[in-house]
Amino acid sequence: MKSLEVRIKGPGPGRESAVRSLNNVGYKITNIIDVTPIPHNGCRPPKKRRV
């Protein structure tokens, strides 16, 4: 098992460093897939504050 398909979920500073560390260990990365969940409409935002 020397070749990998990497699936990345979510934003953050650790995304690139995780892929880079796998590459430095000696694994061959074939695909990098972003599987971050994206809302198609999302939740309703809270009501506006009235002062």
Protein backbone atom coordinates (compact mmCIF):
# COMPACT_ATOMS: atom_id res chain seq x y z
CA MET A 1 0.00 0.00 0.00
CA LYS A 2 2.14 2.82 -1.27
CA SER A 3 -0.39 4.83 -3.29
CA LEU A 4 -3.18 6.80 -1.60
CA GLU A 5 -6.35 8.65 -2.51
CA VAL A 6 -6.71 11.48 0.01
CA ARG A 7 -10.14 12.85 0.92
CA ILE A 8 -10.11 16.19 2.73
CA LYS A 9 -13.09 17.44 4.71
CA GLY A 10 -13.44 20.93 6.16
CA PRO A 11 -11.34 24.09 6.07
CA GLY A 12 -8.32 24.74 8.22
CA PRO A 13 -4.57 25.11 8.33
CA GLY A 14 -3.98 21.36 8.68
CA ARG A 15 -5.23 20.45 5.22
CA GLU A 16 -2.05 21.12 3.27
CA SER A 17 0.31 20.03 6.03
CA ALA A 18 -1.43 16.65 6.35
CA VAL A 19 -1.07 15.96 2.63
CA ARG A 20 2.52 17.18 2.68
CA SER A 21 3.41 14.93 5.62
CA LEU A 22 1.92 11.88 3.88
CA ASN A 23 3.99 12.72 0.83
CA ASN A 24 7.17 13.11 2.90
CA VAL A 25 6.68 9.72 4.58
CA GLY A 26 6.89 8.05 1.19
CA TYR A 27 3.32 7.49 0.08
CA LYS A 28 2.41 8.28 -3.51
CA ILE A 29 -0.74 10.42 -3.58
CA THR A 30 -2.85 9.63 -6.64
CA ASN A 31 -5.90 11.84 -5.97
CA ILE A 32 -6.79 14.66 -3.59
CA ILE A 33 -10.56 14.99 -3.25
CA ASP A 34 -12.31 17.75 -1.30
CA VAL A 35 -15.43 16.30 0.35
CA THR A 36 -16.37 19.33 2.45
CA PRO A 37 -20.15 19.33 2.97
CA ILE A 38 -21.75 22.33 1.26
CA PRO A 39 -25.35 23.24 2.22
CA HIS A 40 -27.80 23.45 -0.68
CA ASN A 41 -29.87 26.02 1.17
CA GLY A 42 -28.88 25.64 4.79
CA CYS A 43 -30.67 26.57 7.96
CA ARG A 44 -32.79 29.66 8.29
CA PRO A 45 -30.76 32.55 9.76
CA PRO A 46 -31.84 34.04 13.10
CA LYS A 47 -34.26 36.97 13.17
CA LYS A 48 -32.84 40.48 12.98
CA ARG A 49 -32.50 42.23 16.32
CA ARG A 50 -34.94 45.08 16.89
CA VAL A 51 -33.80 47.86 19.16
